[in-house]
Amino acid sequence: MVCKVCQGVGLLRDDEGWQYECSVCHGFGKLDGSDGKRETKIMSVDENNRLLD
């Protein structure tokens, strides 16, 4: 099943063009077909709302 968040690419891009790994499929671009529930991770952002790794 193709990841609907990253559309199978495995990467997401913010409005400034920065690319980062999809937090739903973890960069694979596909989901394993289970119930779709995955552990969520709260991420930190800077003052421009960019994700901090």
Protein backbone atom coordinates (compact mmCIF):
# COMPACT_ATOMS: atom_id res chain seq x y z
CA MET A 1 0.00 0.00 0.00
CA VAL A 2 1.50 3.35 -1.07
CA CYS A 3 1.95 5.93 1.69
CA LYS A 4 -0.66 8.66 1.22
CA VAL A 5 1.43 11.25 3.06
CA CYS A 6 4.54 11.19 0.84
CA GLN A 7 2.76 9.60 -2.16
CA GLY A 8 5.28 6.77 -2.31
CA VAL A 9 8.39 8.94 -2.52
CA GLY A 10 9.55 8.52 1.09
CA LEU A 11 10.49 12.18 1.41
CA LEU A 12 8.50 15.25 2.35
CA ARG A 13 9.37 18.81 1.38
CA ASP A 14 8.54 21.95 3.30
CA ASP A 15 7.64 25.32 1.78
CA GLU A 16 11.32 26.34 1.63
CA GLY A 17 12.36 23.23 -0.30
CA TRP A 18 13.99 21.34 2.59
CA GLN A 19 13.47 17.59 2.26
CA TYR A 20 13.12 15.20 5.16
CA GLU A 21 12.14 11.59 5.73
CA CYS A 22 8.41 10.85 5.85
CA SER A 23 7.39 10.33 9.47
CA VAL A 24 4.54 7.98 8.54
CA CYS A 25 6.33 5.38 6.38
CA HIS A 26 9.84 6.21 7.68
CA GLY A 27 11.19 6.83 4.20
CA PHE A 28 10.05 3.56 2.61
CA GLY A 29 7.17 5.05 0.59
CA LYS A 30 4.94 2.09 1.38
CA LEU A 31 2.98 0.91 4.38
CA ASP A 32 3.11 -2.71 5.45
CA GLY A 33 -0.65 -3.24 5.13
CA SER A 34 -1.33 -3.52 8.84
CA ASP A 35 -4.08 -1.49 10.45
CA GLY A 36 -2.17 1.70 9.64
CA LYS A 37 -1.49 2.57 13.25
CA ARG A 38 2.07 3.56 13.93
CA GLU A 39 3.76 5.06 16.91
CA THR A 40 3.62 8.84 16.69
CA LYS A 41 6.62 10.98 17.44
CA ILE A 42 6.36 14.58 18.61
CA MET A 43 9.01 16.59 16.83
CA SER A 44 10.53 19.94 17.72
CA VAL A 45 10.34 22.92 15.39
CA ASP A 46 12.20 26.21 15.22
CA GLU A 47 10.66 29.70 15.05
CA ASN A 48 10.07 29.22 11.29
CA ASN A 49 8.20 25.96 11.95
CA ARG A 50 11.00 23.84 10.42
CA LEU A 51 11.54 20.40 11.92
CA LEU A 52 14.61 19.99 14.10
CA ASP A 53 16.38 16.63 13.85
